[in-house]
N, C-alpha and C. Protein backbone atom coordinates (compact mmCIF):
# COMPACT_ATOMS: atom_id res chain seq x y z
N MET A 1 -108.44 12.13 87.34
CA MET A 1 -107.89 13.44 87.08
C MET A 1 -107.53 14.07 88.42
N ASP A 2 -106.31 14.55 88.53
CA ASP A 2 -105.86 15.23 89.74
C ASP A 2 -106.18 16.72 89.61
N LEU A 3 -107.31 17.13 90.19
CA LEU A 3 -107.76 18.52 90.06
C LEU A 3 -106.77 19.51 90.63
N THR A 4 -106.09 19.15 91.71
CA THR A 4 -105.12 20.07 92.31
C THR A 4 -104.01 20.38 91.32
N LYS A 5 -103.48 19.36 90.69
CA LYS A 5 -102.39 19.56 89.72
C LYS A 5 -102.85 20.43 88.55
N VAL A 6 -104.03 20.11 88.02
CA VAL A 6 -104.58 20.89 86.90
C VAL A 6 -104.80 22.34 87.34
N LEU A 7 -105.31 22.52 88.56
CA LEU A 7 -105.61 23.85 89.06
C LEU A 7 -104.36 24.70 89.23
N ILE A 8 -103.33 24.17 89.88
CA ILE A 8 -102.15 25.00 90.15
C ILE A 8 -101.27 25.18 88.91
N GLU A 9 -101.47 24.34 87.90
CA GLU A 9 -100.71 24.52 86.66
C GLU A 9 -101.40 25.50 85.70
N ALA A 10 -102.65 25.81 85.97
CA ALA A 10 -103.39 26.74 85.10
C ALA A 10 -102.94 28.17 85.35
N ASN A 11 -102.80 28.94 84.28
CA ASN A 11 -102.39 30.34 84.44
C ASN A 11 -103.59 31.28 84.52
N SER A 12 -104.79 30.72 84.36
CA SER A 12 -106.02 31.51 84.48
C SER A 12 -107.16 30.55 84.81
N TYR A 13 -108.25 31.10 85.31
CA TYR A 13 -109.37 30.21 85.61
C TYR A 13 -109.99 29.65 84.34
N THR A 14 -109.93 30.40 83.24
CA THR A 14 -110.49 29.86 82.00
C THR A 14 -109.63 28.72 81.47
N SER A 15 -108.32 28.82 81.61
CA SER A 15 -107.46 27.71 81.16
C SER A 15 -107.69 26.47 82.03
N PHE A 16 -107.97 26.68 83.32
CA PHE A 16 -108.31 25.55 84.19
C PHE A 16 -109.60 24.89 83.70
N LEU A 17 -110.62 25.69 83.44
CA LEU A 17 -111.90 25.13 82.99
C LEU A 17 -111.75 24.39 81.67
N LYS A 18 -110.97 24.94 80.76
CA LYS A 18 -110.73 24.28 79.48
C LYS A 18 -110.01 22.95 79.68
N SER A 19 -109.05 22.92 80.61
CA SER A 19 -108.34 21.68 80.90
C SER A 19 -109.27 20.63 81.49
N VAL A 20 -110.15 21.06 82.38
CA VAL A 20 -111.12 20.13 82.97
C VAL A 20 -112.01 19.55 81.88
N LEU A 21 -112.48 20.40 80.99
CA LEU A 21 -113.35 19.93 79.91
C LEU A 21 -112.61 18.96 78.97
N THR A 22 -111.36 19.27 78.68
CA THR A 22 -110.56 18.41 77.80
C THR A 22 -110.28 17.07 78.46
N THR A 23 -109.93 17.12 79.74
CA THR A 23 -109.60 15.90 80.47
C THR A 23 -110.84 15.04 80.69
N LYS A 24 -111.94 15.66 81.05
CA LYS A 24 -113.18 14.92 81.33
C LYS A 24 -113.73 14.31 80.04
N ASN A 25 -113.76 15.10 78.97
CA ASN A 25 -114.16 14.63 77.64
C ASN A 25 -115.45 13.80 77.66
N VAL A 26 -116.45 14.32 78.35
CA VAL A 26 -117.75 13.66 78.43
C VAL A 26 -118.77 14.57 77.75
N ARG A 27 -119.56 13.98 76.87
CA ARG A 27 -120.58 14.76 76.16
C ARG A 27 -121.52 15.42 77.17
N GLY A 28 -121.74 16.72 77.01
CA GLY A 28 -122.66 17.44 77.87
C GLY A 28 -122.05 17.97 79.16
N TYR A 29 -120.76 17.74 79.37
CA TYR A 29 -120.15 18.18 80.62
C TYR A 29 -120.08 19.70 80.73
N GLN A 30 -119.88 20.37 79.59
CA GLN A 30 -119.89 21.84 79.60
C GLN A 30 -121.25 22.35 80.07
N SER A 31 -122.31 21.70 79.64
CA SER A 31 -123.65 22.08 80.08
C SER A 31 -123.81 21.85 81.58
N GLU A 32 -123.25 20.77 82.09
CA GLU A 32 -123.31 20.50 83.53
C GLU A 32 -122.58 21.59 84.31
N LEU A 33 -121.42 22.01 83.82
CA LEU A 33 -120.66 23.08 84.49
C LEU A 33 -121.45 24.38 84.47
N ALA A 34 -122.07 24.67 83.33
CA ALA A 34 -122.88 25.89 83.22
C ALA A 34 -124.03 25.86 84.22
N ARG A 35 -124.71 24.73 84.29
CA ARG A 35 -125.82 24.57 85.25
C ARG A 35 -125.32 24.74 86.68
N ALA A 36 -124.16 24.16 86.97
CA ALA A 36 -123.59 24.26 88.32
C ALA A 36 -123.29 25.71 88.68
N CYS A 37 -122.91 26.50 87.68
CA CYS A 37 -122.62 27.93 87.90
C CYS A 37 -123.89 28.77 87.97
N GLY A 38 -124.98 28.18 87.53
CA GLY A 38 -126.23 28.93 87.50
C GLY A 38 -126.31 29.89 86.33
N CYS A 39 -125.69 29.52 85.22
CA CYS A 39 -125.75 30.40 84.05
C CYS A 39 -126.14 29.59 82.81
N GLN A 40 -126.50 30.31 81.77
CA GLN A 40 -126.86 29.69 80.50
C GLN A 40 -125.61 29.11 79.85
N ILE A 41 -125.82 28.13 78.99
CA ILE A 41 -124.70 27.51 78.29
C ILE A 41 -123.96 28.54 77.44
N SER A 42 -124.71 29.44 76.81
CA SER A 42 -124.07 30.47 75.97
C SER A 42 -123.19 31.39 76.81
N MET A 43 -123.64 31.73 78.01
CA MET A 43 -122.83 32.56 78.91
C MET A 43 -121.55 31.83 79.31
N PHE A 44 -121.68 30.55 79.64
CA PHE A 44 -120.51 29.76 80.02
C PHE A 44 -119.53 29.67 78.85
N SER A 45 -120.06 29.51 77.66
CA SER A 45 -119.21 29.47 76.47
C SER A 45 -118.47 30.80 76.30
N ASN A 46 -119.16 31.91 76.55
CA ASN A 46 -118.51 33.22 76.47
C ASN A 46 -117.43 33.37 77.54
N ILE A 47 -117.65 32.79 78.71
CA ILE A 47 -116.63 32.81 79.76
C ILE A 47 -115.39 32.07 79.28
N LEU A 48 -115.58 30.90 78.69
CA LEU A 48 -114.45 30.12 78.19
C LEU A 48 -113.69 30.85 77.08
N LYS A 49 -114.41 31.63 76.28
CA LYS A 49 -113.79 32.38 75.19
C LYS A 49 -113.16 33.69 75.66
N GLY A 50 -113.39 34.04 76.93
CA GLY A 50 -112.86 35.30 77.45
C GLY A 50 -113.70 36.50 77.12
N LEU A 51 -114.91 36.28 76.65
CA LEU A 51 -115.81 37.38 76.29
C LEU A 51 -116.62 37.87 77.50
N SER A 52 -116.75 37.02 78.50
CA SER A 52 -117.46 37.35 79.74
C SER A 52 -116.62 36.87 80.91
N GLN A 53 -116.93 37.39 82.08
CA GLN A 53 -116.21 36.99 83.29
C GLN A 53 -117.16 36.22 84.21
N MET A 54 -116.62 35.24 84.88
CA MET A 54 -117.38 34.50 85.88
C MET A 54 -117.43 35.33 87.16
N SER A 55 -118.59 35.36 87.80
CA SER A 55 -118.69 36.06 89.08
C SER A 55 -118.12 35.16 90.17
N LEU A 56 -117.80 35.76 91.30
CA LEU A 56 -117.29 34.97 92.43
C LEU A 56 -118.37 34.02 92.95
N GLU A 57 -119.63 34.42 92.86
CA GLU A 57 -120.72 33.54 93.27
C GLU A 57 -120.78 32.31 92.37
N GLN A 58 -120.64 32.52 91.08
CA GLN A 58 -120.63 31.40 90.13
C GLN A 58 -119.42 30.50 90.40
N ALA A 59 -118.28 31.12 90.66
CA ALA A 59 -117.07 30.36 90.94
C ALA A 59 -117.25 29.51 92.21
N SER A 60 -117.87 30.08 93.21
CA SER A 60 -118.11 29.35 94.45
C SER A 60 -119.03 28.15 94.21
N SER A 61 -120.06 28.35 93.41
CA SER A 61 -120.96 27.24 93.07
C SER A 61 -120.22 26.14 92.31
N LEU A 62 -119.31 26.55 91.44
CA LEU A 62 -118.53 25.58 90.69
C LEU A 62 -117.61 24.79 91.62
N CYS A 63 -117.05 25.45 92.63
CA CYS A 63 -116.22 24.76 93.63
C CYS A 63 -117.02 23.66 94.32
N ASP A 64 -118.27 23.96 94.64
CA ASP A 64 -119.14 22.95 95.27
C ASP A 64 -119.38 21.78 94.31
N PHE A 65 -119.69 22.10 93.06
CA PHE A 65 -119.97 21.06 92.07
C PHE A 65 -118.76 20.15 91.87
N LEU A 66 -117.57 20.75 91.81
CA LEU A 66 -116.34 19.98 91.59
C LEU A 66 -115.82 19.33 92.87
N GLU A 67 -116.54 19.58 93.97
CA GLU A 67 -116.18 19.02 95.28
C GLU A 67 -114.75 19.36 95.68
N PHE A 68 -114.40 20.62 95.52
CA PHE A 68 -113.09 21.11 95.92
C PHE A 68 -112.91 21.04 97.43
N THR A 69 -111.67 20.83 97.84
CA THR A 69 -111.33 21.00 99.24
C THR A 69 -111.34 22.50 99.53
N GLU A 70 -111.27 22.87 100.79
CA GLU A 70 -111.24 24.30 101.13
C GLU A 70 -110.04 25.00 100.49
N LEU A 71 -108.90 24.32 100.46
CA LEU A 71 -107.69 24.91 99.87
C LEU A 71 -107.84 25.08 98.36
N GLN A 72 -108.38 24.07 97.70
CA GLN A 72 -108.63 24.18 96.26
C GLN A 72 -109.61 25.30 95.97
N ALA A 73 -110.66 25.39 96.77
CA ALA A 73 -111.67 26.44 96.57
C ALA A 73 -111.06 27.81 96.77
N ALA A 74 -110.25 27.97 97.81
CA ALA A 74 -109.59 29.25 98.06
C ALA A 74 -108.72 29.65 96.87
N TYR A 75 -107.96 28.69 96.35
CA TYR A 75 -107.08 28.98 95.21
C TYR A 75 -107.91 29.39 94.00
N PHE A 76 -108.96 28.63 93.70
CA PHE A 76 -109.78 28.93 92.53
C PHE A 76 -110.46 30.29 92.66
N LEU A 77 -111.00 30.60 93.83
CA LEU A 77 -111.68 31.88 94.02
C LEU A 77 -110.72 33.06 93.89
N VAL A 78 -109.51 32.91 94.41
CA VAL A 78 -108.51 33.98 94.27
C VAL A 78 -108.07 34.08 92.81
N LEU A 79 -107.97 32.94 92.12
CA LEU A 79 -107.62 32.95 90.69
C LEU A 79 -108.67 33.72 89.89
N VAL A 80 -109.94 33.47 90.18
CA VAL A 80 -111.02 34.19 89.49
C VAL A 80 -110.95 35.68 89.82
N ALA A 81 -110.76 36.00 91.09
CA ALA A 81 -110.67 37.41 91.50
C ALA A 81 -109.49 38.10 90.82
N ARG A 82 -108.35 37.41 90.73
CA ARG A 82 -107.19 38.00 90.07
C ARG A 82 -107.47 38.26 88.59
N ASP A 83 -108.07 37.28 87.94
CA ASP A 83 -108.35 37.43 86.51
C ASP A 83 -109.39 38.51 86.23
N ARG A 84 -110.24 38.77 87.19
CA ARG A 84 -111.27 39.81 87.04
C ARG A 84 -110.76 41.20 87.43
N SER A 85 -109.66 41.25 88.15
CA SER A 85 -109.19 42.52 88.71
C SER A 85 -108.82 43.53 87.62
N GLY A 86 -108.99 44.79 87.96
CA GLY A 86 -108.81 45.84 86.97
C GLY A 86 -107.50 46.62 87.06
N SER A 87 -106.72 46.36 88.09
CA SER A 87 -105.47 47.12 88.21
C SER A 87 -104.28 46.18 88.37
N ASP A 88 -103.13 46.64 87.92
CA ASP A 88 -101.91 45.84 88.05
C ASP A 88 -101.57 45.59 89.52
N ARG A 89 -101.81 46.59 90.34
CA ARG A 89 -101.49 46.45 91.77
C ARG A 89 -102.32 45.34 92.41
N LEU A 90 -103.61 45.32 92.12
CA LEU A 90 -104.47 44.28 92.68
C LEU A 90 -104.10 42.91 92.11
N GLN A 91 -103.84 42.84 90.82
CA GLN A 91 -103.42 41.57 90.22
C GLN A 91 -102.15 41.05 90.88
N SER A 92 -101.22 41.94 91.16
CA SER A 92 -99.97 41.55 91.81
C SER A 92 -100.23 41.03 93.22
N ARG A 93 -101.07 41.72 93.96
CA ARG A 93 -101.39 41.30 95.32
C ARG A 93 -102.07 39.92 95.31
N LEU A 94 -103.03 39.74 94.42
CA LEU A 94 -103.73 38.46 94.35
C LEU A 94 -102.82 37.35 93.85
N SER A 95 -101.88 37.67 92.99
CA SER A 95 -100.90 36.67 92.55
C SER A 95 -100.05 36.21 93.73
N GLY A 96 -99.74 37.14 94.63
CA GLY A 96 -99.02 36.79 95.85
C GLY A 96 -99.82 35.84 96.72
N TYR A 97 -101.12 36.10 96.83
CA TYR A 97 -101.99 35.19 97.58
C TYR A 97 -102.01 33.80 96.95
N LEU A 98 -102.05 33.76 95.60
CA LEU A 98 -102.03 32.47 94.91
C LEU A 98 -100.75 31.70 95.22
N SER A 99 -99.63 32.40 95.22
CA SER A 99 -98.35 31.75 95.53
C SER A 99 -98.36 31.19 96.95
N HIS A 100 -98.92 31.96 97.86
CA HIS A 100 -98.99 31.52 99.26
C HIS A 100 -99.87 30.27 99.39
N ILE A 101 -101.03 30.29 98.74
CA ILE A 101 -101.94 29.14 98.80
C ILE A 101 -101.28 27.93 98.13
N LYS A 102 -100.63 28.15 96.99
CA LYS A 102 -99.99 27.07 96.25
C LYS A 102 -98.94 26.37 97.12
N SER A 103 -98.24 27.13 97.95
CA SER A 103 -97.20 26.54 98.79
C SER A 103 -97.78 25.62 99.86
N GLN A 104 -99.08 25.69 100.09
CA GLN A 104 -99.74 24.86 101.10
C GLN A 104 -100.26 23.53 100.55
N PHE A 105 -100.19 23.34 99.24
CA PHE A 105 -100.65 22.07 98.65
C PHE A 105 -99.63 20.98 98.88
């Protein structure tokens, strides 16, 4: 699985996580991701459903678990920050950062 391709094609961090789970298709992998984030399986499930948000600390732990490069980690962390942001202006600014990082892949 080419994580970079999956990551930059995702329009949100939850869609990226869902793609990883679909591609990996290994029993218990969702539980492994939850453990890597330091959260309960139910919390991780709520994150996937859009009912809860992943913290940047959890996202950083997930980057370590997935063995992201620094560039992949930067992209994922900004993606999480953008999806968590509360204003259109901040979302727009963070989307610009994502475009800049994407151009470096």
